[in-house]
Structures are given as structure tokens and as C-alpha cells.
Protein backbone atom coordinates (compact mmCIF):
# COMPACT_ATOMS: atom_id res chain seq x y z
CA MET A 1 -8.80 -0.91 -33.50
CA ASP A 2 -9.91 -3.28 -30.75
CA PHE A 3 -9.46 -1.47 -27.42
CA LEU A 4 -7.91 -4.58 -25.92
CA SER A 5 -4.97 -4.63 -28.33
CA LEU A 6 -2.32 -2.07 -29.20
CA PRO A 7 0.46 -2.32 -31.81
CA LYS A 8 3.94 -3.24 -30.58
CA ASP A 9 5.59 -0.59 -32.74
CA ALA A 10 6.29 3.03 -31.85
CA VAL A 11 2.98 4.83 -31.62
CA THR A 12 1.26 8.03 -30.56
CA LEU A 13 -1.91 7.56 -28.53
CA THR A 14 -4.07 10.55 -29.38
CA ASN A 15 -7.22 11.75 -27.63
CA VAL A 16 -6.35 10.29 -24.22
CA THR A 17 -7.59 11.60 -20.86
CA VAL A 18 -5.01 12.30 -18.13
CA PRO A 19 -5.22 13.94 -14.68
CA ALA A 20 -3.82 17.43 -15.16
CA CYS A 21 -1.67 17.23 -12.02
CA LEU A 22 0.37 14.41 -13.59
CA LEU A 23 1.36 16.81 -16.37
CA GLY A 24 2.19 19.66 -14.00
CA GLN A 25 -0.99 21.51 -14.94
CA ASP A 26 -3.87 22.95 -12.93
CA GLY A 27 -7.37 21.54 -13.15
CA ASP A 28 -8.91 18.08 -13.18
CA LEU A 29 -8.74 16.01 -16.37
CA VAL A 30 -7.22 17.09 -19.68
CA THR A 31 -7.21 15.64 -23.18
CA THR A 32 -3.75 15.09 -24.63
CA GLU A 33 -1.59 12.60 -26.50
CA ILE A 34 1.12 10.22 -25.30
CA SER A 35 3.79 8.78 -27.57
CA ILE A 36 5.73 5.57 -26.98
CA ALA A 37 8.98 4.40 -28.58
CA ASP A 38 11.69 1.99 -27.42
CA GLY A 39 9.81 1.29 -24.22
CA LYS A 40 9.68 4.91 -23.08
CA ILE A 41 7.44 7.96 -23.28
CA ALA A 42 8.69 9.73 -26.40
CA ASP A 43 8.26 12.55 -28.86
CA PRO A 44 5.35 12.18 -31.33
CA GLN A 45 5.55 9.12 -33.57
CA ALA A 46 4.34 8.59 -37.13
CA MET A 47 1.76 5.94 -36.27
CA ALA A 48 -1.18 7.51 -34.43
CA ILE A 49 -4.20 5.85 -32.83
CA ASP A 50 -7.31 7.67 -31.66
CA MET A 51 -8.00 6.33 -28.14
CA LYS A 52 -11.46 7.93 -28.01
CA GLY A 53 -10.90 9.57 -24.64
CA ALA A 54 -9.47 6.54 -22.81
CA MET A 55 -7.91 7.41 -19.44
CA VAL A 56 -4.17 6.83 -19.08
CA LEU A 57 -2.33 6.59 -15.75
CA PRO A 58 1.21 5.56 -14.85
CA ALA A 59 1.55 2.14 -13.24
CA PHE A 60 0.73 2.15 -9.52
CA VAL A 61 2.68 2.02 -6.26
CA ASP A 62 1.06 -0.10 -3.50
CA MET A 63 3.01 0.87 -0.40
CA HIS A 64 1.32 -1.02 2.45
CA THR A 65 0.55 -4.70 1.93
CA HIS A 66 0.91 -8.02 3.77
CA LEU A 67 1.95 -10.50 1.09
CA ASP A 68 2.98 -13.08 3.67
CA LYS A 69 -0.55 -13.25 5.11
CA GLY A 70 -2.34 -13.20 1.77
CA HIS A 71 -4.87 -15.87 0.74
CA ILE A 72 -4.97 -17.90 3.95
CA TRP A 73 -8.70 -17.24 4.42
CA ALA A 74 -9.74 -20.62 2.99
CA ARG A 75 -7.89 -22.46 5.75
CA SER A 76 -8.01 -19.81 8.50
CA PRO A 77 -11.06 -17.53 8.27
CA ASN A 78 -11.70 -14.85 10.85
CA PRO A 79 -14.20 -16.45 13.23
CA ASP A 80 -16.12 -13.24 13.99
CA GLY A 81 -14.71 -10.45 11.81
CA SER A 82 -13.06 -8.73 14.77
CA PHE A 83 -9.53 -7.36 15.09
CA MET A 84 -8.70 -9.80 17.88
CA GLY A 85 -10.19 -12.63 15.82
CA ALA A 86 -7.82 -11.67 13.00
CA LEU A 87 -4.78 -11.34 15.27
CA THR A 88 -5.33 -14.70 16.95
CA THR A 89 -6.21 -16.58 13.77
CA VAL A 90 -3.19 -15.28 11.84
CA GLY A 91 -0.90 -16.12 14.75
CA ASP A 92 -2.16 -19.69 14.88
CA ASP A 93 -1.91 -20.10 11.10
CA ARG A 94 1.62 -18.68 11.05
CA VAL A 95 2.87 -21.18 13.64
CA ALA A 96 1.13 -24.10 11.94
CA ASN A 97 1.70 -23.41 8.26
CA TRP A 98 4.17 -20.69 7.29
CA SER A 99 6.96 -22.73 5.80
CA ALA A 100 9.20 -21.20 3.14
CA ASP A 101 7.22 -22.95 0.39
CA ASP A 102 3.86 -21.86 1.79
CA VAL A 103 4.91 -18.21 2.12
CA ARG A 104 6.59 -18.13 -1.26
CA ARG A 105 3.64 -19.54 -3.20
CA ARG A 106 1.09 -17.23 -1.61
CA MET A 107 3.30 -14.18 -2.04
CA GLU A 108 3.95 -15.00 -5.67
CA PHE A 109 0.22 -15.47 -6.27
CA SER A 110 -0.39 -11.92 -5.02
CA LEU A 111 2.48 -10.53 -7.10
CA ARG A 112 1.05 -12.07 -10.25
CA ALA A 113 -2.34 -10.48 -9.53
CA ALA A 114 -0.79 -7.08 -8.78
CA PHE A 115 1.29 -7.17 -11.96
CA ALA A 116 -1.74 -8.05 -14.08
CA HIS A 117 -3.69 -5.16 -12.55
CA GLY A 118 -0.94 -2.62 -13.32
CA THR A 119 1.21 -2.23 -10.17
CA ARG A 120 4.92 -1.50 -10.59
CA ALA A 121 6.09 -1.28 -6.94
CA ILE A 122 4.99 -2.89 -3.65
CA ARG A 123 6.05 -2.50 -0.04
CA THR A 124 5.07 -5.48 2.08
CA HIS A 125 5.17 -6.02 5.82
CA LEU A 126 6.53 -9.39 6.92
CA ASP A 127 5.56 -10.89 10.27
CA SER A 128 8.92 -11.11 12.04
CA ILE A 129 8.51 -12.78 15.42
CA PRO A 130 11.35 -15.35 15.45
CA PRO A 131 11.68 -17.85 13.91
CA GLN A 132 9.39 -16.46 11.17
CA ASP A 133 11.80 -13.65 10.29
CA GLY A 134 14.44 -16.23 9.37
CA ILE A 135 11.93 -17.97 7.08
CA SER A 136 10.18 -15.06 5.37
CA PHE A 137 13.06 -12.68 4.68
CA PRO A 138 15.11 -15.16 2.61
CA VAL A 139 11.96 -16.00 0.63
CA PHE A 140 11.32 -12.31 0.11
CA ARG A 141 14.87 -11.66 -1.11
CA ASP A 142 14.54 -14.46 -3.67
CA LEU A 143 11.27 -13.03 -4.96
CA GLN A 144 12.72 -9.52 -4.95
CA ALA A 145 15.44 -10.69 -7.34
CA GLU A 146 13.10 -12.76 -9.50
CA TRP A 147 10.61 -9.93 -9.92
CA ALA A 148 13.19 -7.20 -10.59
CA GLY A 149 12.14 -5.26 -13.67
CA ARG A 150 8.49 -6.14 -13.19
CA ILE A 151 7.66 -5.10 -9.61
CA ASP A 152 10.07 -3.23 -7.34
CA LEU A 153 9.73 -4.85 -3.91
CA GLN A 154 10.45 -3.50 -0.43
CA ALA A 155 10.11 -5.41 2.85
CA VAL A 156 9.24 -4.09 6.31
CA CYS A 157 9.66 -6.26 9.41
CA LEU A 158 6.54 -6.40 11.57
CA ILE A 159 6.39 -7.01 15.32
CA GLY A 160 4.18 -5.69 18.09
CA CYS A 161 5.89 -3.11 20.29
CA ASN A 162 5.70 -5.58 23.19
CA TYR A 163 8.16 -7.80 21.26
CA TRP A 164 10.69 -5.01 20.76
CA THR A 165 14.15 -5.49 22.28
CA ASP A 166 17.41 -3.60 22.00
CA ASP A 167 20.26 -5.03 19.95
CA SER A 168 21.16 -7.52 22.66
CA GLY A 169 17.80 -9.27 22.21
CA PRO A 170 15.98 -11.01 19.34
CA PHE A 171 14.88 -7.80 17.60
CA GLY A 172 18.50 -6.78 17.11
CA GLN A 173 18.94 -9.85 14.92
CA THR A 174 15.71 -9.06 13.04
CA ALA A 175 16.93 -5.50 12.42
CA ASP A 176 20.14 -6.94 10.97
CA LEU A 177 18.08 -9.15 8.63
CA VAL A 178 16.22 -6.04 7.46
CA ALA A 179 19.47 -4.13 6.93
CA ALA A 180 20.82 -7.00 4.81
CA THR A 181 17.74 -6.81 2.55
CA PRO A 182 17.90 -4.28 -0.32
CA GLY A 183 15.44 -1.49 0.43
CA GLY A 184 14.60 -2.97 3.83
CA VAL A 185 12.57 -0.86 6.27
CA LEU A 186 12.28 -1.22 10.06
CA GLY A 187 8.66 -1.65 11.15
CA MET A 188 6.62 -2.02 14.32
CA VAL A 189 3.01 -1.94 15.56
CA THR A 190 2.48 0.57 18.35
CA TYR A 191 -0.14 0.51 21.10
CA PRO A 192 -0.26 1.82 24.68
CA MET A 193 2.41 0.45 27.03
CA ASP A 194 3.94 1.98 30.14
CA ASP A 195 7.37 2.25 28.50
CA LEU A 196 6.19 2.82 24.93
CA ARG A 197 8.14 6.06 24.46
CA ALA A 198 11.38 4.35 25.46
CA ARG A 199 10.64 1.54 23.01
CA ILE A 200 9.95 3.96 20.14
CA ARG A 201 13.13 5.87 20.94
CA GLY A 202 15.19 2.66 20.99
CA PHE A 203 13.55 1.49 17.77
CA LEU A 204 14.43 4.73 15.95
CA GLU A 205 17.99 4.53 17.29
CA GLN A 206 18.29 1.05 15.78
CA ALA A 207 16.93 2.29 12.46
CA ALA A 208 19.31 5.26 12.44
CA ALA A 209 22.32 3.09 13.27
CA ARG A 210 21.57 0.92 10.23
CA GLY A 211 20.54 3.72 7.89
CA LEU A 212 16.96 2.42 7.67
CA ASP A 213 13.63 4.20 7.28
CA ALA A 214 10.77 3.45 9.71
CA ASP A 215 7.22 2.26 9.05
CA PHE A 216 4.67 2.04 11.89
CA HIS A 217 1.20 0.55 12.27
CA VAL A 218 -0.44 3.16 14.50
CA ASP A 219 -3.68 3.52 16.50
CA GLU A 220 -5.72 0.95 14.57
CA THR A 221 -8.64 1.26 16.97
CA MET A 222 -11.79 3.26 17.64
CA ASP A 223 -10.61 4.01 21.20
CA ALA A 224 -10.20 7.78 21.23
CA SER A 225 -7.78 7.61 24.16
CA VAL A 226 -5.15 5.80 22.08
CA GLU A 227 -2.67 8.41 20.84
CA THR A 228 0.61 6.69 20.07
CA LEU A 229 0.82 8.82 16.93
CA ARG A 230 1.65 11.79 19.15
CA ASP A 231 4.45 9.83 20.78
CA ILE A 232 6.01 8.97 17.42
CA ALA A 233 5.81 12.57 16.17
CA GLU A 234 7.28 14.02 19.36
CA ILE A 235 10.09 11.47 19.58
CA LYS A 236 11.02 11.88 15.91
CA MET A 237 11.48 15.61 16.53
CA GLU A 238 13.27 15.09 19.86
CA THR A 239 15.76 12.63 18.40
CA GLY A 240 16.23 14.35 15.06
CA PHE A 241 15.75 11.00 13.31
CA GLY A 242 16.78 11.65 9.72
CA GLY A 243 15.15 8.74 7.93
CA ARG A 244 11.72 8.67 6.37
CA VAL A 245 8.89 7.81 8.77
CA VAL A 246 5.46 6.65 7.65
CA VAL A 247 2.49 5.76 9.86
CA GLY A 248 -0.42 3.59 8.77
CA HIS A 249 -4.08 3.42 9.82
CA CYS A 250 -4.37 6.19 12.52
CA CYS A 251 -8.03 5.26 12.99
CA SER A 252 -8.46 6.70 16.50
CA LEU A 253 -8.02 10.23 15.11
CA SER A 254 -11.45 9.89 13.53
CA VAL A 255 -13.19 9.67 16.91
CA GLN A 256 -11.08 12.08 18.96
CA ASP A 257 -12.03 15.55 20.11
CA GLU A 258 -11.61 17.86 17.13
CA THR A 259 -9.21 20.25 18.84
CA ARG A 260 -7.02 17.42 20.08
CA ALA A 261 -6.99 15.65 16.73
CA MET A 262 -6.01 18.83 14.88
CA ASP A 263 -3.24 19.48 17.39
CA THR A 264 -1.91 15.97 16.74
CA LEU A 265 -1.96 16.59 13.00
CA ASP A 266 -0.01 19.81 13.50
CA LEU A 267 2.62 17.73 15.32
CA VAL A 268 2.69 15.20 12.48
CA ALA A 269 3.16 17.98 9.94
CA ARG A 270 6.02 19.55 11.92
CA ALA A 271 7.67 16.14 12.32
CA GLU A 272 7.41 15.60 8.53
CA ILE A 273 5.80 12.20 8.94
CA ASP A 274 3.98 10.60 6.01
CA VAL A 275 0.67 8.74 6.35
CA VAL A 276 -0.80 5.75 4.54
CA SER A 277 -4.54 5.15 4.83
CA LEU A 278 -5.97 1.64 4.45
CA PRO A 279 -9.71 2.28 4.10
CA MET A 280 -10.85 -1.14 2.91
CA CYS A 281 -9.32 -3.11 5.78
CA ASN A 282 -10.37 -0.49 8.33
CA LEU A 283 -13.93 -0.57 7.01
CA TYR A 284 -13.95 -4.35 7.48
CA LEU A 285 -12.62 -4.43 11.06
CA GLN A 286 -13.56 -1.23 12.83
CA ASP A 287 -16.74 -0.87 14.92
CA ARG A 288 -17.78 -4.43 14.17
CA SER A 289 -20.24 -5.81 16.71
CA PRO A 290 -20.17 -9.37 18.10
CA GLN A 291 -21.84 -12.01 15.97
CA GLY A 292 -25.57 -12.18 16.55
CA THR A 293 -25.79 -8.49 17.53
CA ALA A 294 -28.31 -6.57 15.43
CA ARG A 295 -26.21 -3.40 15.29
CA THR A 296 -25.04 -1.46 12.23
CA PRO A 297 -21.48 -0.04 12.42
CA ARG A 298 -21.34 3.74 12.90
CA GLN A 299 -17.59 4.44 13.00
CA ARG A 300 -15.79 3.46 9.81
CA GLY A 301 -12.16 3.96 10.74
CA ILE A 302 -10.76 6.04 7.88
CA THR A 303 -8.23 8.54 9.15
CA LEU A 304 -8.39 12.32 8.61
CA VAL A 305 -6.97 12.41 5.11
CA HIS A 306 -8.48 15.76 4.08
CA GLU A 307 -7.16 17.53 7.15
CA MET A 308 -3.76 15.93 6.58
CA ARG A 309 -3.51 17.07 2.97
CA ALA A 310 -4.56 20.57 4.05
CA ARG A 311 -1.44 20.57 6.26
CA ASP A 312 0.79 19.32 3.42
CA ILE A 313 1.18 15.94 5.07
CA ARG A 314 1.96 13.39 2.38
CA VAL A 315 -0.96 10.90 2.23
CA SER A 316 -1.08 7.60 0.35
CA PHE A 317 -3.66 4.84 0.03
CA ALA A 318 -2.85 1.14 -0.28
CA SER A 319 -4.29 -2.38 -0.43
CA ASP A 320 -3.30 -3.64 3.04
CA ASN A 321 -4.45 -7.23 3.61
CA THR A 322 -5.80 -9.56 0.92
CA ARG A 323 -8.06 -12.56 1.59
CA ASP A 324 -6.80 -13.16 5.10
CA PRO A 325 -8.38 -12.78 8.57
CA PHE A 326 -7.72 -9.02 8.62
CA TYR A 327 -9.60 -8.49 5.33
CA ALA A 328 -11.58 -11.23 3.63
CA TYR A 329 -11.51 -9.63 0.17
CA GLY A 330 -9.26 -7.69 -2.20
CA ASP A 331 -7.06 -8.60 -5.17
CA MET A 332 -4.01 -6.30 -5.07
CA ASP A 333 -5.82 -4.02 -7.52
CA MET A 334 -5.00 -0.35 -7.07
CA ILE A 335 -7.93 0.75 -9.20
CA GLU A 336 -10.17 -0.96 -6.66
CA VAL A 337 -8.30 0.86 -3.88
CA MET A 338 -8.80 4.18 -5.72
CA ARG A 339 -12.48 3.49 -6.23
CA GLU A 340 -13.15 2.51 -2.64
CA ALA A 341 -10.98 5.25 -1.12
CA THR A 342 -12.86 7.81 -3.21
CA ARG A 343 -16.22 6.53 -1.98
CA ILE A 344 -15.26 5.94 1.64
CA GLY A 345 -13.21 9.13 2.09
CA HIS A 346 -15.29 11.47 -0.11
CA LEU A 347 -12.27 12.28 -2.25
CA ASP A 348 -14.63 13.42 -4.99
CA HIS A 349 -15.91 17.02 -4.85
CA SER A 350 -12.56 17.82 -3.26
CA ARG A 351 -9.10 18.64 -4.56
CA ASP A 352 -8.04 17.64 -8.08
CA ASP A 353 -4.81 15.85 -7.19
CA TRP A 354 -5.89 12.86 -5.07
CA VAL A 355 -4.62 10.55 -7.81
CA THR A 356 -1.08 11.34 -6.63
CA SER A 357 -1.88 9.42 -3.43
CA PHE A 358 -1.75 6.21 -5.48
CA LEU A 359 1.26 7.14 -7.60
CA THR A 360 3.84 9.82 -6.84
CA ASP A 361 3.15 10.20 -3.09
CA PRO A 362 3.73 6.54 -2.15
CA ALA A 363 6.76 6.49 -4.44
CA ALA A 364 8.22 9.46 -2.57
CA THR A 365 7.49 7.89 0.82
CA CYS A 366 9.23 4.69 -0.29
CA GLY A 367 12.18 6.51 -1.87
CA LEU A 368 11.32 5.19 -5.34
CA ASP A 369 11.39 6.89 -8.73
CA ALA A 370 8.09 8.65 -9.28
CA PRO A 371 5.64 7.19 -11.82
CA SER A 372 5.68 9.67 -14.68
CA LEU A 373 4.19 10.57 -18.04
CA SER A 374 7.15 12.78 -18.95
CA ILE A 375 9.22 12.20 -22.07
CA GLY A 376 12.00 9.74 -21.25
CA ALA A 377 10.07 7.93 -18.51
CA GLU A 378 9.45 4.21 -18.76
CA ALA A 379 6.21 3.54 -20.63
CA ASP A 380 4.63 1.66 -17.72
CA LEU A 381 1.00 2.57 -18.20
CA VAL A 382 -2.54 1.57 -17.25
CA ILE A 383 -5.10 2.43 -19.93
CA CYS A 384 -8.82 2.28 -19.19
CA LYS A 385 -11.70 2.66 -21.60
CA ALA A 386 -13.32 5.01 -19.07
CA ARG A 387 -13.18 8.65 -20.18
CA ASN A 388 -13.73 10.36 -16.83
CA TRP A 389 -13.78 9.65 -13.11
CA THR A 390 -17.39 8.51 -12.86
CA GLU A 391 -16.87 5.97 -15.66
CA LEU A 392 -13.59 4.84 -14.08
CA PHE A 393 -15.12 4.25 -10.65
CA ALA A 394 -18.48 2.88 -11.80
CA ARG A 395 -16.96 -0.35 -13.16
CA PRO A 396 -13.96 -2.52 -12.18
CA GLN A 397 -12.15 -1.75 -15.48
CA SER A 398 -11.60 -5.43 -16.16
CA ASP A 399 -10.83 -4.60 -19.80
CA ARG A 400 -7.95 -2.26 -18.97
CA ILE A 401 -4.69 -2.42 -20.91
CA VAL A 402 -1.41 -2.61 -18.98
CA LEU A 403 1.83 -1.64 -20.70
CA ARG A 404 5.24 -2.35 -19.26
CA ALA A 405 8.19 -0.80 -21.10
CA GLY A 406 5.70 0.04 -23.84
CA GLN A 407 4.59 -3.56 -24.40
CA GLN A 408 1.14 -4.89 -23.60
CA ILE A 409 1.26 -7.62 -20.95
CA ASP A 410 -0.91 -10.70 -20.54
CA ARG A 411 -3.47 -9.71 -17.89
CA THR A 412 -4.62 -13.24 -17.08
CA LEU A 413 -5.11 -13.46 -13.31
CA PRO A 414 -3.89 -16.47 -11.29
CA ASP A 415 -6.52 -19.09 -10.50
CA TYR A 416 -7.39 -19.54 -6.81
CA ALA A 417 -7.37 -23.29 -7.42
CA GLU A 418 -3.57 -23.08 -7.66
CA LEU A 419 -3.49 -22.67 -3.86
CA ASP A 420 -5.97 -25.44 -3.04
CA ASP A 421 -3.32 -27.88 -1.80
CA LEU A 422 -2.02 -25.26 0.67
CA MET A 423 -5.51 -24.81 2.10
CA ARG A 424 -5.86 -28.46 3.17
CA THR A 425 -4.97 -28.44 6.85
């Protein structure tokens, strides 16, 4: 049988390789069989195919993305690769270009790529400084309905903490937009301000009043003095906020005094806060020197994922930005995220269950059904010819098979030329 084609009938895939943790077993990789019938994982079927050791994973959950920013690089590149260059350039592009049609087409382009690569659920942040919130959220809700059954979509509003207001101000209206969106999550970027703690407290009160979870961008800097993560953890415990809280980035932990950083992680564990690490974007932005400076970056920005997992803090990895001023590359491909996170974070030669950080952990953080290989689960699978981790991470797995409800999908990726007319400014 050609690896790139599978029969549409009920079948048992024999001699497949699966991470043991996904089967509730100890150890690293195991050889097993997986049967498919009526779109679900099933009991053994009469037709059997020897997969020759091919690795099988459930479809992925990408829980921190920016679909509304995606693919603007061609018209608005980062002028110097810096964080401030990204922030300023995106802001200018948003004001000039982010109509409903522009946002919709770029978001849909990214969704098509993610689907082809084998992603089943995505959480995206949406820039929400008015009037953009009133443009992007209706577009998102339309796409959420159109993509139901293919990709489960969640939206998080995104403002800087300096734009936060109580319900009497503009952010109260944004929070209502989020609450009116199925699966909506309240989100904010935190950084040092004199009244930051009051703003975080008010923000969590707004989320609690609407029954929303909270999602923060936190400490995306190499300045060791920036510790807003501690504020969030302490205030969550002080207020007894009952929703899920996830924090992204947490780069400053990587350059802080060891004792202080470990104390912060103990707070995060006690507060039951989840973490999402975005190693590709952080690698691109952090410790970048001004153009023309002959200096190699030393500090790479990845947060303390090993120390977090040792404290039973739930850790996920995600795509973050895609071909925009915050990250010039990427393709919404979670196998790429796995490969780069493994290399950047030294996930190899470590624990055997890191694969859950791309599957079951982000699903739990987002309140979604866990990707599963159990009998009765949807047969949403990614099948790679690679037979072990080194083969999986050595190549991009461009010949992977993606099954949704047991049926092989067309993996043709969208052509960048489709967006050319949007890039003419």
C-alpha cells in the first residue's frame, strides 16, 4: 500500500508506533494497533494494514495563536526584528488595513493551513482596542460557525493593561462582546504599572461576573525585574477566582535569580495557573540587538518549562504568531512546534510525556475534550512515516496522513498568492 493513501472502509492499522502515555502506559514509545470504523476508534476490524512502524498521534490543539495578525508580513514587515518594532508595525497595519474582509481572509488562510497539518482546535487572541473589537469578533463568530466540525475555535480579547477599564469604560463593552461569543475568554497583556494589581483584580472580577476564563500575556521580556506573574498568582489566590487562568510567555523567569524564580513557580503551582510556552516567537524577538550590531543573542526567552512540570504545573506549547511582525515565519503546523520546542527546550533526554503538552494539556486548559486514542473517540489522527522521535523531528513530515472522522483529508496547503491583493498597500 502507498503510505499516502488509506482505504475508506473500516480498517485496523497494525504495527503503529504510539507514545505510551497516550495509552495510559509507562515508558516512551510502544508498538500497537489502532482500529477505525464509522469515523471512530473501534474494536479490531477484518481488514488489516501493516503500517511498518508509522507513528500515530491524535489531532493537535494549538492554544495560543494570533489569527488576526497572520500573514501581514508582506505589507508590514518588522523593520528591525525587535519587540517594539513588532508592536508599532502591527498597530499601524491594524489601523490602516484591518477591515472585516481583510481579517476574515487572512484568518481563513491560517485555518486552512492548520487543518491540512492536522490541528483540530485553536484558541486565537484578537486585538481588541476599539473599534477593532467590533470588527474582529463578528468575523470570528462567523468563522467559528463555518469551521464547526473541522476546527473548534476559541477567541480571547487582547488589550494592553494600560487600556483596561472597568465596566463603565470601553473594556466593559469588549468584555460583553467576549461573553456573547461561544467559548470566549477574557485576555490582557500585563506589564509593570503603578496600579497594575488593581487592574488585574478588576479584570478578574469582570471575568468572574461573566463566567469567563482568563488568558494573560505575561513578562515577555528579558528584564529580570519584571514579575507581573507573581501579581497574577497572588491575586488569583486572594480573590478566589474560580475560572481557568493561563499565562503565556513568562520569559523574564529565565533570567531571574534562581531562588526568586523558583519561589514564583511555587506561587503559580499553588494558584493552579496553567502556562503556555511560545518558544519560536520568543526565540525570534528576545535578546535581539539593533541592526548593524555584530552581537549574537545569548538569552533565548523560553520559560522554565522543566521546573514547571516538576511542580505539576500544566504546560502547553503553541504556534503564537505566523508571518507577521512578531514572528516572520511559521505555518500553523504543530509538528513544527513540537520539533522546535524539543530542540529549544531540551525536551529530549527528559520525561516521556512531553507530547501531552501539544494534545491533552492544552485541551484541558481550554476546557475542550481531550484528544484520545481510546475506543469510541473520534478518529482524528495524524500519521507520520517516522517510526521514532528522531525520525519525526529530523524531517518536516510533509508526507503525513491526516484523518478526520476516520477519513483521509486533502492536505493541499493554501497558496500565498491568494493573499497578494491584500498585500498591495
